[in-house]
Amino acid sequence: MVHYDNELLTDLEKGNVYSARDIAEFLKFKQNVTILCSDTDVFNSDDANVRFKVRDKLETFIHSNNIVGYIKPNVKSLIYIVEKV
């Protein structure tokens, strides 16, 4: 997939490789998205050289618990699993 710096990503495709900058920008503008990555604790918007591959993409409900109890989701979220390449 080829895109330009001034082009905002609307989705991350399974199997494609994206820069940390791509992912950081994607997260800024996309709602109901979670990215799981065991290789980094931050996607730096200044880093176009570090690359990540999308290993899986799921659309599902995220159930969680906080200090007040169970949080029932009302919308599905997109979950991307990425790893550094």
N, C-alpha and C. Protein backbone atom coordinates (compact mmCIF):
# COMPACT_ATOMS: atom_id res chain seq x y z
N MET A 1 0.84 -1.18 0.00
CA MET A 1 0.00 0.00 0.00
C MET A 1 0.88 1.24 0.00
N VAL A 2 0.62 2.14 -0.89
CA VAL A 2 1.37 3.39 -0.98
C VAL A 2 0.43 4.53 -0.63
N HIS A 3 0.88 5.40 0.24
CA HIS A 3 0.13 6.61 0.54
C HIS A 3 1.11 7.73 0.81
N TYR A 4 0.60 8.92 0.81
CA TYR A 4 1.44 10.10 0.95
C TYR A 4 1.28 10.70 2.33
N ASP A 5 2.29 11.47 2.76
CA ASP A 5 2.28 12.04 4.11
C ASP A 5 1.05 12.89 4.40
N ASN A 6 0.50 13.54 3.38
CA ASN A 6 -0.65 14.40 3.61
C ASN A 6 -1.98 13.63 3.50
N GLU A 7 -1.92 12.33 3.29
CA GLU A 7 -3.10 11.50 3.16
C GLU A 7 -3.38 10.79 4.49
N LEU A 8 -4.56 11.01 5.05
CA LEU A 8 -4.93 10.37 6.31
C LEU A 8 -5.42 8.96 6.04
N LEU A 9 -4.95 8.01 6.82
CA LEU A 9 -5.40 6.63 6.71
C LEU A 9 -6.78 6.49 7.33
N THR A 10 -7.65 5.76 6.67
CA THR A 10 -8.98 5.50 7.21
C THR A 10 -9.07 4.08 7.76
N ASP A 11 -8.08 3.24 7.46
CA ASP A 11 -8.06 1.87 7.93
C ASP A 11 -6.63 1.35 7.84
N LEU A 12 -6.34 0.32 8.63
CA LEU A 12 -5.07 -0.40 8.53
C LEU A 12 -5.42 -1.80 8.05
N GLU A 13 -4.78 -2.24 6.99
CA GLU A 13 -5.11 -3.53 6.39
C GLU A 13 -4.23 -4.64 6.94
N LYS A 14 -4.84 -5.77 7.23
CA LYS A 14 -4.13 -6.95 7.70
C LYS A 14 -3.07 -7.34 6.67
N GLY A 15 -1.83 -7.55 7.15
CA GLY A 15 -0.73 -7.93 6.27
C GLY A 15 0.10 -6.77 5.77
N ASN A 16 -0.41 -5.55 5.87
CA ASN A 16 0.33 -4.38 5.40
C ASN A 16 1.27 -3.86 6.48
N VAL A 17 2.29 -3.13 6.04
CA VAL A 17 3.29 -2.54 6.92
C VAL A 17 3.10 -1.03 6.94
N TYR A 18 3.16 -0.45 8.14
CA TYR A 18 2.97 0.99 8.33
C TYR A 18 4.07 1.52 9.23
N SER A 19 4.39 2.79 9.07
CA SER A 19 5.38 3.41 9.95
C SER A 19 4.74 3.78 11.28
N ALA A 20 5.59 4.01 12.28
CA ALA A 20 5.09 4.48 13.58
C ALA A 20 4.32 5.78 13.39
N ARG A 21 4.79 6.63 12.50
CA ARG A 21 4.10 7.90 12.21
C ARG A 21 2.70 7.64 11.67
N ASP A 22 2.58 6.69 10.74
CA ASP A 22 1.27 6.34 10.18
C ASP A 22 0.30 5.94 11.29
N ILE A 23 0.76 5.07 12.16
CA ILE A 23 -0.10 4.55 13.22
C ILE A 23 -0.45 5.65 14.23
N ALA A 24 0.51 6.49 14.58
CA ALA A 24 0.25 7.60 15.50
C ALA A 24 -0.82 8.53 14.94
N GLU A 25 -0.70 8.87 13.68
CA GLU A 25 -1.68 9.76 13.04
C GLU A 25 -3.05 9.09 12.94
N PHE A 26 -3.05 7.80 12.63
CA PHE A 26 -4.30 7.03 12.55
C PHE A 26 -5.03 7.07 13.89
N LEU A 27 -4.29 6.87 14.98
CA LEU A 27 -4.89 6.88 16.32
C LEU A 27 -5.43 8.25 16.72
N LYS A 28 -4.84 9.31 16.21
CA LYS A 28 -5.31 10.66 16.55
C LYS A 28 -6.71 10.94 16.02
N PHE A 29 -7.03 10.37 14.86
CA PHE A 29 -8.25 10.76 14.16
C PHE A 29 -9.30 9.67 14.07
N LYS A 30 -8.99 8.46 14.48
CA LYS A 30 -9.92 7.34 14.36
C LYS A 30 -10.50 7.00 15.74
N GLN A 31 -11.81 6.91 15.85
CA GLN A 31 -12.46 6.59 17.11
C GLN A 31 -12.77 5.10 17.18
N ASN A 32 -12.96 4.60 18.40
CA ASN A 32 -13.29 3.20 18.66
C ASN A 32 -12.26 2.24 18.08
N VAL A 33 -10.98 2.60 18.25
CA VAL A 33 -9.88 1.78 17.75
C VAL A 33 -8.94 1.47 18.91
N THR A 34 -8.48 0.22 18.96
CA THR A 34 -7.47 -0.20 19.92
C THR A 34 -6.37 -0.89 19.13
N ILE A 35 -5.12 -0.55 19.45
CA ILE A 35 -3.98 -1.22 18.82
C ILE A 35 -3.19 -1.93 19.91
N LEU A 36 -2.98 -3.22 19.71
CA LEU A 36 -2.20 -4.03 20.63
C LEU A 36 -0.82 -4.26 20.02
N CYS A 37 0.22 -3.97 20.79
CA CYS A 37 1.58 -4.15 20.30
C CYS A 37 2.50 -4.41 21.48
N SER A 38 3.19 -5.54 21.47
CA SER A 38 4.10 -5.87 22.56
C SER A 38 5.52 -5.34 22.30
N ASP A 39 5.73 -4.70 21.15
CA ASP A 39 7.07 -4.24 20.78
C ASP A 39 7.37 -2.79 21.11
N THR A 40 6.35 -2.00 21.44
CA THR A 40 6.58 -0.59 21.74
C THR A 40 5.53 -0.09 22.72
N ASP A 41 5.91 0.93 23.50
CA ASP A 41 4.95 1.54 24.40
C ASP A 41 4.40 2.85 23.85
N VAL A 42 4.92 3.28 22.69
CA VAL A 42 4.45 4.52 22.07
C VAL A 42 4.67 4.47 20.56
N PHE A 43 3.73 5.03 19.82
CA PHE A 43 3.90 5.23 18.39
C PHE A 43 4.24 6.71 18.20
N ASN A 44 5.47 6.98 17.83
CA ASN A 44 5.98 8.34 17.73
C ASN A 44 5.61 8.94 16.37
N SER A 45 4.93 10.07 16.40
CA SER A 45 4.49 10.71 15.15
C SER A 45 5.66 11.33 14.38
N ASP A 46 6.85 11.39 15.00
CA ASP A 46 8.03 11.90 14.29
C ASP A 46 8.85 10.80 13.65
N ASP A 47 8.47 9.54 13.84
CA ASP A 47 9.29 8.43 13.39
C ASP A 47 8.68 7.72 12.18
N ALA A 48 9.23 8.00 11.01
CA ALA A 48 8.77 7.36 9.78
C ALA A 48 9.60 6.12 9.45
N ASN A 49 10.66 5.87 10.21
CA ASN A 49 11.57 4.76 9.89
C ASN A 49 11.24 3.45 10.59
N VAL A 50 10.61 3.51 11.75
CA VAL A 50 10.24 2.28 12.47
C VAL A 50 8.94 1.77 11.85
N ARG A 51 8.92 0.48 11.52
CA ARG A 51 7.79 -0.11 10.80
C ARG A 51 7.09 -1.18 11.62
N PHE A 52 5.78 -1.30 11.39
CA PHE A 52 4.95 -2.28 12.07
C PHE A 52 4.04 -2.96 11.05
N LYS A 53 3.90 -4.26 11.21
CA LYS A 53 3.02 -5.04 10.34
C LYS A 53 1.74 -5.38 11.09
N VAL A 54 0.61 -5.23 10.42
CA VAL A 54 -0.68 -5.58 10.99
C VAL A 54 -0.85 -7.10 10.87
N ARG A 55 -0.82 -7.79 12.01
CA ARG A 55 -0.95 -9.25 12.04
C ARG A 55 -2.40 -9.70 12.05
N ASP A 56 -3.26 -8.92 12.69
CA ASP A 56 -4.66 -9.30 12.74
C ASP A 56 -5.52 -8.06 12.96
N LYS A 57 -6.77 -8.18 12.58
CA LYS A 57 -7.74 -7.09 12.73
C LYS A 57 -9.07 -7.73 13.13
N LEU A 58 -9.63 -7.25 14.24
CA LEU A 58 -10.89 -7.77 14.75
C LEU A 58 -11.88 -6.63 14.94
N GLU A 59 -13.14 -6.90 14.70
CA GLU A 59 -14.19 -5.95 15.05
C GLU A 59 -15.05 -6.63 16.09
N THR A 60 -15.01 -6.11 17.32
CA THR A 60 -15.66 -6.80 18.42
C THR A 60 -16.01 -5.83 19.55
N PHE A 61 -16.76 -6.31 20.51
CA PHE A 61 -17.07 -5.52 21.70
C PHE A 61 -15.94 -5.68 22.71
N ILE A 62 -15.54 -4.60 23.35
CA ILE A 62 -14.52 -4.64 24.39
C ILE A 62 -15.23 -4.51 25.73
N HIS A 63 -15.14 -5.56 26.53
CA HIS A 63 -15.71 -5.57 27.87
C HIS A 63 -14.58 -5.29 28.84
N SER A 64 -14.84 -4.44 29.81
CA SER A 64 -13.79 -4.10 30.76
C SER A 64 -14.38 -3.84 32.14
N ASN A 65 -13.47 -3.61 33.07
CA ASN A 65 -13.85 -3.36 34.44
C ASN A 65 -12.97 -2.22 34.96
N ASN A 66 -13.58 -1.26 35.61
CA ASN A 66 -12.79 -0.21 36.26
C ASN A 66 -13.18 -0.17 37.74
N ILE A 67 -12.81 0.86 38.42
CA ILE A 67 -13.02 0.94 39.86
C ILE A 67 -14.50 0.87 40.27
N VAL A 68 -15.39 1.27 39.40
CA VAL A 68 -16.82 1.23 39.73
C VAL A 68 -17.50 -0.05 39.26
N GLY A 69 -16.79 -0.89 38.52
CA GLY A 69 -17.38 -2.16 38.10
C GLY A 69 -17.32 -2.40 36.61
N TYR A 70 -18.17 -3.31 36.19
CA TYR A 70 -18.24 -3.76 34.80
C TYR A 70 -18.69 -2.65 33.87
N ILE A 71 -17.98 -2.51 32.78
CA ILE A 71 -18.35 -1.53 31.76
C ILE A 71 -18.86 -2.29 30.55
N LYS A 72 -20.13 -2.13 30.26
CA LYS A 72 -20.75 -2.80 29.12
C LYS A 72 -20.57 -1.93 27.88
N PRO A 73 -19.98 -2.48 26.83
CA PRO A 73 -19.79 -1.69 25.62
C PRO A 73 -21.11 -1.48 24.88
N ASN A 74 -21.22 -0.33 24.22
CA ASN A 74 -22.43 -0.08 23.43
C ASN A 74 -22.14 -0.04 21.94
N VAL A 75 -20.87 -0.05 21.57
CA VAL A 75 -20.49 -0.10 20.15
C VAL A 75 -19.31 -1.06 20.00
N LYS A 76 -19.17 -1.58 18.81
CA LYS A 76 -18.01 -2.42 18.52
C LYS A 76 -16.79 -1.55 18.29
N SER A 77 -15.64 -2.09 18.62
CA SER A 77 -14.37 -1.41 18.38
C SER A 77 -13.55 -2.24 17.40
N LEU A 78 -12.66 -1.55 16.70
CA LEU A 78 -11.68 -2.23 15.86
C LEU A 78 -10.43 -2.45 16.69
N ILE A 79 -9.94 -3.67 16.68
CA ILE A 79 -8.71 -4.00 17.38
C ILE A 79 -7.71 -4.48 16.35
N TYR A 80 -6.56 -3.83 16.34
CA TYR A 80 -5.47 -4.21 15.45
C TYR A 80 -4.34 -4.78 16.29
N ILE A 81 -3.80 -5.89 15.85
CA ILE A 81 -2.62 -6.48 16.50
C ILE A 81 -1.45 -6.26 15.55
N VAL A 82 -0.45 -5.50 16.04
CA VAL A 82 0.69 -5.16 15.18
C VAL A 82 1.98 -5.61 15.84
N GLU A 83 3.01 -5.82 15.00
CA GLU A 83 4.33 -6.14 15.52
C GLU A 83 5.39 -5.43 14.71
N LYS A 84 6.47 -5.11 15.38
CA LYS A 84 7.59 -4.40 14.75
C LYS A 84 8.27 -5.32 13.75
N VAL A 85 8.60 -4.77 12.59
CA VAL A 85 9.31 -5.54 11.57
C VAL A 85 10.66 -4.94 11.28
